[in-house]
Amino acid sequence: FRVELRPASRGFEQSLQIGYGLAGDGLCKSNGFPKDKFALAWL
């Protein structure tokens, strides 16, 4: 599916990019949340 945000949200974009990067590095739990509670809160 596609998701369109209006207006754009740079923070949303960055949270996805960083979140998926952490997952790719094995730094997320099985539910997709970052293992680091501070990273999770910031995202």
All heavy atoms as atom14 arrays in JSON, in Angstrom:
{
  "sequence": "FRVELRPASRGFEQSLQIGYGLAGDGLCKSNGFPKDKFALAWL",
  "atom14_mask": [
    [1, 1, 1, 1, 1, 1, 1, 1, 1, 1, 1, 0, 0, 0],
    [1, 1, 1, 1, 1, 1, 1, 1, 1, 1, 1, 0, 0, 0],
    [1, 1, 1, 1, 1, 1, 1, 0, 0, 0, 0, 0, 0, 0],
    [1, 1, 1, 1, 1, 1, 1, 1, 1, 0, 0, 0, 0, 0],
    [1, 1, 1, 1, 1, 1, 1, 1, 0, 0, 0, 0, 0, 0],
    [1, 1, 1, 1, 1, 1, 1, 1, 1, 1, 1, 0, 0, 0],
    [1, 1, 1, 1, 1, 1, 1, 0, 0, 0, 0, 0, 0, 0],
    [1, 1, 1, 1, 1, 0, 0, 0, 0, 0, 0, 0, 0, 0],
    [1, 1, 1, 1, 1, 1, 0, 0, 0, 0, 0, 0, 0, 0],
    [1, 1, 1, 1, 1, 1, 1, 1, 1, 1, 1, 0, 0, 0],
    [1, 1, 1, 1, 0, 0, 0, 0, 0, 0, 0, 0, 0, 0],
    [1, 1, 1, 1, 1, 1, 1, 1, 1, 1, 1, 0, 0, 0],
    [1, 1, 1, 1, 1, 1, 1, 1, 1, 0, 0, 0, 0, 0],
    [1, 1, 1, 1, 1, 1, 1, 1, 1, 0, 0, 0, 0, 0],
    [1, 1, 1, 1, 1, 1, 0, 0, 0, 0, 0, 0, 0, 0],
    [1, 1, 1, 1, 1, 1, 1, 1, 0, 0, 0, 0, 0, 0],
    [1, 1, 1, 1, 1, 1, 1, 1, 1, 0, 0, 0, 0, 0],
    [1, 1, 1, 1, 1, 1, 1, 1, 0, 0, 0, 0, 0, 0],
    [1, 1, 1, 1, 0, 0, 0, 0, 0, 0, 0, 0, 0, 0],
    [1, 1, 1, 1, 1, 1, 1, 1, 1, 1, 1, 1, 0, 0],
    [1, 1, 1, 1, 0, 0, 0, 0, 0, 0, 0, 0, 0, 0],
    [1, 1, 1, 1, 1, 1, 1, 1, 0, 0, 0, 0, 0, 0],
    [1, 1, 1, 1, 1, 0, 0, 0, 0, 0, 0, 0, 0, 0],
    [1, 1, 1, 1, 0, 0, 0, 0, 0, 0, 0, 0, 0, 0],
    [1, 1, 1, 1, 1, 1, 1, 1, 0, 0, 0, 0, 0, 0],
    [1, 1, 1, 1, 0, 0, 0, 0, 0, 0, 0, 0, 0, 0],
    [1, 1, 1, 1, 1, 1, 1, 1, 0, 0, 0, 0, 0, 0],
    [1, 1, 1, 1, 1, 1, 0, 0, 0, 0, 0, 0, 0, 0],
    [1, 1, 1, 1, 1, 1, 1, 1, 1, 0, 0, 0, 0, 0],
    [1, 1, 1, 1, 1, 1, 0, 0, 0, 0, 0, 0, 0, 0],
    [1, 1, 1, 1, 1, 1, 1, 1, 0, 0, 0, 0, 0, 0],
    [1, 1, 1, 1, 0, 0, 0, 0, 0, 0, 0, 0, 0, 0],
    [1, 1, 1, 1, 1, 1, 1, 1, 1, 1, 1, 0, 0, 0],
    [1, 1, 1, 1, 1, 1, 1, 0, 0, 0, 0, 0, 0, 0],
    [1, 1, 1, 1, 1, 1, 1, 1, 1, 0, 0, 0, 0, 0],
    [1, 1, 1, 1, 1, 1, 1, 1, 0, 0, 0, 0, 0, 0],
    [1, 1, 1, 1, 1, 1, 1, 1, 1, 0, 0, 0, 0, 0],
    [1, 1, 1, 1, 1, 1, 1, 1, 1, 1, 1, 0, 0, 0],
    [1, 1, 1, 1, 1, 0, 0, 0, 0, 0, 0, 0, 0, 0],
    [1, 1, 1, 1, 1, 1, 1, 1, 0, 0, 0, 0, 0, 0],
    [1, 1, 1, 1, 1, 0, 0, 0, 0, 0, 0, 0, 0, 0],
    [1, 1, 1, 1, 1, 1, 1, 1, 1, 1, 1, 1, 1, 1],
    [1, 1, 1, 1, 1, 1, 1, 1, 0, 0, 0, 0, 0, 0]
  ],
  "atom14_positions": [
    [[0.84, -1.19, 0.0], [0.0, 0.0, 0.0], [0.87, 1.25, 0.0], [2.07, 1.19, 0.28], [-0.96, 0.0, 1.19], [-0.28, -0.04, 2.54], [-0.1, 1.11, 3.29], [0.15, -1.25, 3.08], [0.51, 1.07, 4.53], [0.75, -1.3, 4.33], [0.94, -0.14, 5.05], [0.0, 0.0, 0.0], [0.0, 0.0, 0.0], [0.0, 0.0, 0.0]],
    [[0.26, 2.35, -0.33], [0.93, 3.65, -0.28], [0.35, 4.46, 0.86], [-0.84, 4.36, 1.17], [0.77, 4.4, -1.59], [1.6, 3.78, -2.69], [1.68, 4.64, -3.91], [2.56, 3.99, -4.87], [2.55, 4.21, -6.15], [1.7, 5.09, -6.65], [3.38, 3.58, -6.95], [0.0, 0.0, 0.0], [0.0, 0.0, 0.0], [0.0, 0.0, 0.0]],
    [[1.21, 5.29, 1.45], [0.78, 6.21, 2.5], [1.23, 7.6, 2.07], [2.39, 7.81, 1.75], [1.4, 5.87, 3.87], [0.95, 6.86, 4.92], [1.06, 4.45, 4.28], [0.0, 0.0, 0.0], [0.0, 0.0, 0.0], [0.0, 0.0, 0.0], [0.0, 0.0, 0.0], [0.0, 0.0, 0.0], [0.0, 0.0, 0.0], [0.0, 0.0, 0.0]],
    [[0.26, 8.52, 2.06], [0.56, 9.92, 1.74], [0.25, 10.77, 2.95], [-0.85, 10.72, 3.49], [-0.28, 10.37, 0.55], [0.0, 11.8, 0.13], [-0.85, 12.21, -1.05], [-0.5, 11.86, -2.19], [-1.88, 12.88, -0.81], [0.0, 0.0, 0.0], [0.0, 0.0, 0.0], [0.0, 0.0, 0.0], [0.0, 0.0, 0.0], [0.0, 0.0, 0.0]],
    [[1.24, 11.54, 3.38], [1.07, 12.47, 4.49], [0.94, 13.87, 3.92], [1.71, 14.25, 3.04], [2.3, 12.45, 5.41], [2.42, 11.35, 6.45], [2.38, 9.99, 5.84], [3.68, 11.54, 7.24], [0.0, 0.0, 0.0], [0.0, 0.0, 0.0], [0.0, 0.0, 0.0], [0.0, 0.0, 0.0], [0.0, 0.0, 0.0], [0.0, 0.0, 0.0]],
    [[-0.05, 14.62, 4.43], [-0.23, 16.01, 4.02], [-0.47, 16.86, 5.24], [-1.39, 16.57, 5.99], [-1.43, 16.14, 3.07], [-1.09, 15.66, 1.69], [-2.16, 16.08, 0.7], [-1.83, 15.61, -0.62], [-1.2, 16.34, -1.54], [-0.85, 17.57, -1.28], [-0.92, 15.83, -2.71], [0.0, 0.0, 0.0], [0.0, 0.0, 0.0], [0.0, 0.0, 0.0]],
    [[0.31, 17.9, 5.45], [1.53, 18.21, 4.72], [2.61, 17.19, 5.03], [2.44, 16.32, 5.9], [1.91, 19.59, 5.26], [1.33, 19.65, 6.63], [0.06, 18.83, 6.55], [0.0, 0.0, 0.0], [0.0, 0.0, 0.0], [0.0, 0.0, 0.0], [0.0, 0.0, 0.0], [0.0, 0.0, 0.0], [0.0, 0.0, 0.0], [0.0, 0.0, 0.0]],
    [[3.74, 17.31, 4.34], [4.86, 16.41, 4.56], [5.33, 16.5, 6.01], [5.14, 17.52, 6.67], [6.0, 16.77, 3.61], [0.0, 0.0, 0.0], [0.0, 0.0, 0.0], [0.0, 0.0, 0.0], [0.0, 0.0, 0.0], [0.0, 0.0, 0.0], [0.0, 0.0, 0.0], [0.0, 0.0, 0.0], [0.0, 0.0, 0.0], [0.0, 0.0, 0.0]],
    [[5.95, 15.43, 6.47], [6.54, 15.43, 7.81], [7.96, 14.91, 7.71], [8.19, 13.71, 7.53], [5.73, 14.55, 8.77], [6.44, 14.4, 9.99], [0.0, 0.0, 0.0], [0.0, 0.0, 0.0], [0.0, 0.0, 0.0], [0.0, 0.0, 0.0], [0.0, 0.0, 0.0], [0.0, 0.0, 0.0], [0.0, 0.0, 0.0], [0.0, 0.0, 0.0]],
    [[8.91, 15.81, 7.8], [10.32, 15.43, 7.75], [10.67, 14.52, 8.92], [11.44, 13.58, 8.78], [11.2, 16.69, 7.75], [12.66, 16.4, 7.66], [13.01, 15.86, 6.28], [14.4, 15.44, 6.28], [14.8, 14.18, 6.22], [13.93, 13.2, 6.11], [16.07, 13.89, 6.25], [0.0, 0.0, 0.0], [0.0, 0.0, 0.0], [0.0, 0.0, 0.0]],
    [[10.08, 14.76, 10.08], [10.33, 13.9, 11.23], [9.83, 12.48, 11.01], [10.5, 11.51, 11.37], [0.0, 0.0, 0.0], [0.0, 0.0, 0.0], [0.0, 0.0, 0.0], [0.0, 0.0, 0.0], [0.0, 0.0, 0.0], [0.0, 0.0, 0.0], [0.0, 0.0, 0.0], [0.0, 0.0, 0.0], [0.0, 0.0, 0.0], [0.0, 0.0, 0.0]],
    [[8.65, 12.34, 10.42], [8.12, 11.02, 10.09], [9.07, 10.3, 9.12], [9.39, 9.14, 9.31], [6.73, 11.16, 9.48], [6.14, 9.88, 8.97], [5.43, 9.04, 9.81], [6.29, 9.5, 7.64], [4.88, 7.86, 9.35], [5.75, 8.32, 7.17], [5.05, 7.5, 8.03], [0.0, 0.0, 0.0], [0.0, 0.0, 0.0], [0.0, 0.0, 0.0]],
    [[9.5, 11.03, 8.1], [10.41, 10.44, 7.11], [11.68, 9.94, 7.79], [12.11, 8.81, 7.57], [10.78, 11.48, 6.05], [9.64, 11.88, 5.15], [9.97, 13.07, 4.26], [11.16, 13.47, 4.17], [9.04, 13.61, 3.64], [0.0, 0.0, 0.0], [0.0, 0.0, 0.0], [0.0, 0.0, 0.0], [0.0, 0.0, 0.0], [0.0, 0.0, 0.0]],
    [[12.24, 10.78, 8.63], [13.49, 10.43, 9.29], [13.29, 9.27, 10.27], [14.15, 8.4, 10.38], [14.05, 11.65, 10.0], [15.49, 11.48, 10.41], [16.08, 12.77, 10.91], [15.39, 13.55, 11.56], [17.34, 12.99, 10.62], [0.0, 0.0, 0.0], [0.0, 0.0, 0.0], [0.0, 0.0, 0.0], [0.0, 0.0, 0.0], [0.0, 0.0, 0.0]],
    [[12.15, 9.23, 10.96], [11.91, 8.13, 11.9], [11.84, 6.8, 11.16], [12.33, 5.79, 11.66], [10.64, 8.38, 12.73], [9.48, 8.25, 11.96], [0.0, 0.0, 0.0], [0.0, 0.0, 0.0], [0.0, 0.0, 0.0], [0.0, 0.0, 0.0], [0.0, 0.0, 0.0], [0.0, 0.0, 0.0], [0.0, 0.0, 0.0], [0.0, 0.0, 0.0]],
    [[11.25, 6.79, 9.98], [11.21, 5.56, 9.18], [12.61, 5.17, 8.71], [13.0, 4.01, 8.79], [10.3, 5.72, 7.96], [8.8, 5.63, 8.18], [8.07, 5.8, 6.85], [8.41, 4.32, 8.82], [0.0, 0.0, 0.0], [0.0, 0.0, 0.0], [0.0, 0.0, 0.0], [0.0, 0.0, 0.0], [0.0, 0.0, 0.0], [0.0, 0.0, 0.0]],
    [[13.34, 6.15, 8.17], [14.67, 5.85, 7.65], [15.58, 5.31, 8.74], [16.26, 4.29, 8.55], [15.27, 7.12, 7.02], [14.55, 7.53, 5.75], [14.84, 8.97, 5.34], [15.17, 9.81, 6.15], [14.68, 9.23, 4.05], [0.0, 0.0, 0.0], [0.0, 0.0, 0.0], [0.0, 0.0, 0.0], [0.0, 0.0, 0.0], [0.0, 0.0, 0.0]],
    [[15.58, 5.95, 9.88], [16.45, 5.52, 10.98], [15.94, 4.22, 11.59], [16.71, 3.29, 11.87], [16.59, 6.62, 12.04], [17.37, 7.81, 11.44], [17.29, 6.1, 13.3], [17.4, 9.04, 12.32], [0.0, 0.0, 0.0], [0.0, 0.0, 0.0], [0.0, 0.0, 0.0], [0.0, 0.0, 0.0], [0.0, 0.0, 0.0], [0.0, 0.0, 0.0]],
    [[14.62, 4.11, 11.78], [14.05, 2.89, 12.35], [14.35, 1.66, 11.5], [14.76, 0.62, 12.04], [0.0, 0.0, 0.0], [0.0, 0.0, 0.0], [0.0, 0.0, 0.0], [0.0, 0.0, 0.0], [0.0, 0.0, 0.0], [0.0, 0.0, 0.0], [0.0, 0.0, 0.0], [0.0, 0.0, 0.0], [0.0, 0.0, 0.0], [0.0, 0.0, 0.0]],
    [[14.18, 1.77, 10.2], [14.48, 0.63, 9.32], [15.99, 0.38, 9.27], [16.42, -0.77, 9.14], [13.9, 0.83, 7.93], [12.46, 0.39, 7.85], [11.42, 1.27, 8.13], [12.13, -0.91, 7.51], [10.09, 0.86, 8.09], [10.81, -1.34, 7.46], [9.79, -0.45, 7.75], [8.49, -0.86, 7.71], [0.0, 0.0, 0.0], [0.0, 0.0, 0.0]],
    [[16.79, 1.43, 9.41], [18.24, 1.25, 9.47], [18.63, 0.46, 10.71], [19.47, -0.45, 10.64], [0.0, 0.0, 0.0], [0.0, 0.0, 0.0], [0.0, 0.0, 0.0], [0.0, 0.0, 0.0], [0.0, 0.0, 0.0], [0.0, 0.0, 0.0], [0.0, 0.0, 0.0], [0.0, 0.0, 0.0], [0.0, 0.0, 0.0], [0.0, 0.0, 0.0]],
    [[18.04, 0.8, 11.85], [18.31, 0.06, 13.08], [17.89, -1.41, 12.94], [18.6, -2.31, 13.38], [17.58, 0.7, 14.26], [18.1, 2.06, 14.72], [17.16, 2.67, 15.77], [19.51, 1.94, 15.28], [0.0, 0.0, 0.0], [0.0, 0.0, 0.0], [0.0, 0.0, 0.0], [0.0, 0.0, 0.0], [0.0, 0.0, 0.0], [0.0, 0.0, 0.0]],
    [[16.74, -1.63, 12.33], [16.27, -3.01, 12.12], [17.25, -3.78, 11.25], [17.59, -4.93, 11.53], [14.87, -3.0, 11.51], [0.0, 0.0, 0.0], [0.0, 0.0, 0.0], [0.0, 0.0, 0.0], [0.0, 0.0, 0.0], [0.0, 0.0, 0.0], [0.0, 0.0, 0.0], [0.0, 0.0, 0.0], [0.0, 0.0, 0.0], [0.0, 0.0, 0.0]],
    [[17.73, -3.13, 10.19], [18.69, -3.76, 9.29], [20.0, -4.1, 9.98], [20.69, -5.05, 9.6], [0.0, 0.0, 0.0], [0.0, 0.0, 0.0], [0.0, 0.0, 0.0], [0.0, 0.0, 0.0], [0.0, 0.0, 0.0], [0.0, 0.0, 0.0], [0.0, 0.0, 0.0], [0.0, 0.0, 0.0], [0.0, 0.0, 0.0], [0.0, 0.0, 0.0]],
    [[20.34, -3.32, 11.02], [21.56, -3.57, 11.78], [21.33, -4.54, 12.94], [22.23, -4.75, 13.76], [22.11, -2.25, 12.35], [22.69, -1.35, 11.27], [22.92, -1.83, 10.14], [22.9, -0.16, 11.56], [0.0, 0.0, 0.0], [0.0, 0.0, 0.0], [0.0, 0.0, 0.0], [0.0, 0.0, 0.0], [0.0, 0.0, 0.0], [0.0, 0.0, 0.0]],
    [[20.12, -5.09, 13.05], [19.82, -6.04, 14.13], [19.64, -5.38, 15.48], [19.76, -6.04, 16.52], [0.0, 0.0, 0.0], [0.0, 0.0, 0.0], [0.0, 0.0, 0.0], [0.0, 0.0, 0.0], [0.0, 0.0, 0.0], [0.0, 0.0, 0.0], [0.0, 0.0, 0.0], [0.0, 0.0, 0.0], [0.0, 0.0, 0.0], [0.0, 0.0, 0.0]],
    [[19.31, -4.08, 15.49], [19.18, -3.34, 16.74], [17.73, -3.12, 17.16], [17.44, -2.24, 17.96], [19.92, -2.01, 16.63], [21.42, -2.13, 16.35], [22.05, -0.77, 16.1], [22.11, -2.85, 17.51], [0.0, 0.0, 0.0], [0.0, 0.0, 0.0], [0.0, 0.0, 0.0], [0.0, 0.0, 0.0], [0.0, 0.0, 0.0], [0.0, 0.0, 0.0]],
    [[16.83, -3.95, 16.62], [15.41, -3.87, 16.99], [14.94, -5.21, 17.53], [15.49, -6.26, 17.19], [14.56, -3.48, 15.78], [14.76, -1.76, 15.28], [0.0, 0.0, 0.0], [0.0, 0.0, 0.0], [0.0, 0.0, 0.0], [0.0, 0.0, 0.0], [0.0, 0.0, 0.0], [0.0, 0.0, 0.0], [0.0, 0.0, 0.0], [0.0, 0.0, 0.0]],
    [[13.91, -5.15, 18.35], [13.27, -6.36, 18.88], [12.42, -6.99, 17.77], [12.21, -6.39, 16.72], [12.39, -6.0, 20.07], [13.13, -5.35, 21.22], [12.15, -4.91, 22.3], [12.82, -4.11, 23.36], [11.88, -3.61, 24.36], [0.0, 0.0, 0.0], [0.0, 0.0, 0.0], [0.0, 0.0, 0.0], [0.0, 0.0, 0.0], [0.0, 0.0, 0.0]],
    [[11.86, -8.15, 18.05], [11.03, -8.84, 17.05], [9.78, -8.05, 16.7], [9.23, -8.21, 15.62], [10.66, -10.24, 17.53], [9.91, -10.15, 18.73], [0.0, 0.0, 0.0], [0.0, 0.0, 0.0], [0.0, 0.0, 0.0], [0.0, 0.0, 0.0], [0.0, 0.0, 0.0], [0.0, 0.0, 0.0], [0.0, 0.0, 0.0], [0.0, 0.0, 0.0]],
    [[9.33, -7.14, 17.59], [8.15, -6.32, 17.29], [8.5, -5.07, 16.47], [7.63, -4.26, 16.17], [7.43, -5.92, 18.59], [8.27, -5.02, 19.49], [9.39, -4.63, 19.15], [7.73, -4.71, 20.66], [0.0, 0.0, 0.0], [0.0, 0.0, 0.0], [0.0, 0.0, 0.0], [0.0, 0.0, 0.0], [0.0, 0.0, 0.0], [0.0, 0.0, 0.0]],
    [[9.79, -4.92, 16.12], [10.21, -3.79, 15.31], [10.66, -2.57, 16.1], [11.19, -1.62, 15.54], [0.0, 0.0, 0.0], [0.0, 0.0, 0.0], [0.0, 0.0, 0.0], [0.0, 0.0, 0.0], [0.0, 0.0, 0.0], [0.0, 0.0, 0.0], [0.0, 0.0, 0.0], [0.0, 0.0, 0.0], [0.0, 0.0, 0.0], [0.0, 0.0, 0.0]],
    [[10.46, -2.57, 17.42], [10.88, -1.44, 18.25], [12.38, -1.51, 18.49], [12.92, -2.59, 18.75], [10.16, -1.44, 19.6], [8.7, -1.1, 19.53], [7.88, -1.37, 20.61], [8.13, -0.5, 18.42], [6.53, -1.06, 20.59], [6.78, -0.18, 18.39], [5.98, -0.46, 19.47], [0.0, 0.0, 0.0], [0.0, 0.0, 0.0], [0.0, 0.0, 0.0]],
    [[13.06, -0.34, 18.48], [14.49, -0.34, 18.8], [14.74, -0.91, 20.2], [13.95, -0.69, 21.12], [14.86, 1.15, 18.75], [13.85, 1.75, 17.83], [12.58, 0.99, 18.09], [0.0, 0.0, 0.0], [0.0, 0.0, 0.0], [0.0, 0.0, 0.0], [0.0, 0.0, 0.0], [0.0, 0.0, 0.0], [0.0, 0.0, 0.0], [0.0, 0.0, 0.0]],
    [[15.83, -1.63, 20.35], [16.21, -2.19, 21.64], [16.58, -1.09, 22.63], [16.35, -1.23, 23.82], [17.37, -3.17, 21.48], [16.99, -4.42, 20.71], [18.21, -5.31, 20.48], [17.82, -6.55, 19.67], [18.99, -7.38, 19.37], [0.0, 0.0, 0.0], [0.0, 0.0, 0.0], [0.0, 0.0, 0.0], [0.0, 0.0, 0.0], [0.0, 0.0, 0.0]],
    [[17.14, 0.0, 22.14], [17.55, 1.12, 22.98], [16.33, 1.99, 23.28], [15.73, 2.57, 22.37], [18.63, 1.94, 22.27], [19.15, 3.1, 23.09], [18.34, 3.84, 23.69], [20.37, 3.29, 23.11], [0.0, 0.0, 0.0], [0.0, 0.0, 0.0], [0.0, 0.0, 0.0], [0.0, 0.0, 0.0], [0.0, 0.0, 0.0], [0.0, 0.0, 0.0]],
    [[15.96, 2.09, 24.57], [14.75, 2.84, 24.94], [14.86, 4.32, 24.58], [13.87, 4.97, 24.28], [14.44, 2.66, 26.42], [15.44, 3.29, 27.36], [15.07, 3.06, 28.81], [16.07, 3.72, 29.73], [15.76, 3.51, 31.13], [0.0, 0.0, 0.0], [0.0, 0.0, 0.0], [0.0, 0.0, 0.0], [0.0, 0.0, 0.0], [0.0, 0.0, 0.0]],
    [[16.07, 4.87, 24.59], [16.24, 6.28, 24.24], [16.05, 6.49, 22.74], [15.44, 7.47, 22.32], [17.6, 6.79, 24.7], [17.75, 6.8, 26.2], [18.61, 5.93, 26.82], [17.0, 7.67, 26.98], [18.74, 5.91, 28.2], [17.12, 7.68, 28.36], [17.99, 6.78, 28.98], [0.0, 0.0, 0.0], [0.0, 0.0, 0.0], [0.0, 0.0, 0.0]],
    [[16.55, 5.58, 21.94], [16.34, 5.66, 20.49], [14.85, 5.54, 20.17], [14.32, 6.29, 19.36], [17.14, 4.57, 19.77], [0.0, 0.0, 0.0], [0.0, 0.0, 0.0], [0.0, 0.0, 0.0], [0.0, 0.0, 0.0], [0.0, 0.0, 0.0], [0.0, 0.0, 0.0], [0.0, 0.0, 0.0], [0.0, 0.0, 0.0], [0.0, 0.0, 0.0]],
    [[14.18, 4.6, 20.82], [12.74, 4.42, 20.63], [11.99, 5.71, 20.95], [11.15, 6.18, 20.17], [12.21, 3.28, 21.49], [10.69, 3.14, 21.57], [10.1, 2.79, 20.22], [10.31, 2.09, 22.61], [0.0, 0.0, 0.0], [0.0, 0.0, 0.0], [0.0, 0.0, 0.0], [0.0, 0.0, 0.0], [0.0, 0.0, 0.0], [0.0, 0.0, 0.0]],
    [[12.29, 6.3, 22.09], [11.59, 7.51, 22.52], [11.84, 8.66, 21.55], [10.92, 9.39, 21.19], [12.04, 7.89, 23.93], [0.0, 0.0, 0.0], [0.0, 0.0, 0.0], [0.0, 0.0, 0.0], [0.0, 0.0, 0.0], [0.0, 0.0, 0.0], [0.0, 0.0, 0.0], [0.0, 0.0, 0.0], [0.0, 0.0, 0.0], [0.0, 0.0, 0.0]],
    [[13.08, 8.82, 21.11], [13.41, 9.91, 20.19], [12.7, 9.71, 18.86], [12.12, 10.66, 18.31], [14.93, 9.99, 20.02], [15.33, 11.13, 19.15], [15.3, 12.45, 19.46], [15.81, 11.04, 17.81], [15.73, 13.2, 18.39], [16.06, 12.36, 17.36], [16.05, 9.98, 16.94], [16.54, 12.65, 16.09], [16.54, 10.26, 15.68], [16.77, 11.58, 15.26]],
    [[12.7, 8.49, 18.34], [12.02, 8.23, 17.06], [10.52, 8.46, 17.18], [9.88, 8.99, 16.27], [12.31, 6.8, 16.57], [13.74, 6.55, 16.13], [13.95, 5.07, 15.82], [14.11, 7.4, 14.93], [0.0, 0.0, 0.0], [0.0, 0.0, 0.0], [0.0, 0.0, 0.0], [0.0, 0.0, 0.0], [0.0, 0.0, 0.0], [0.0, 0.0, 0.0]]
  ]
}
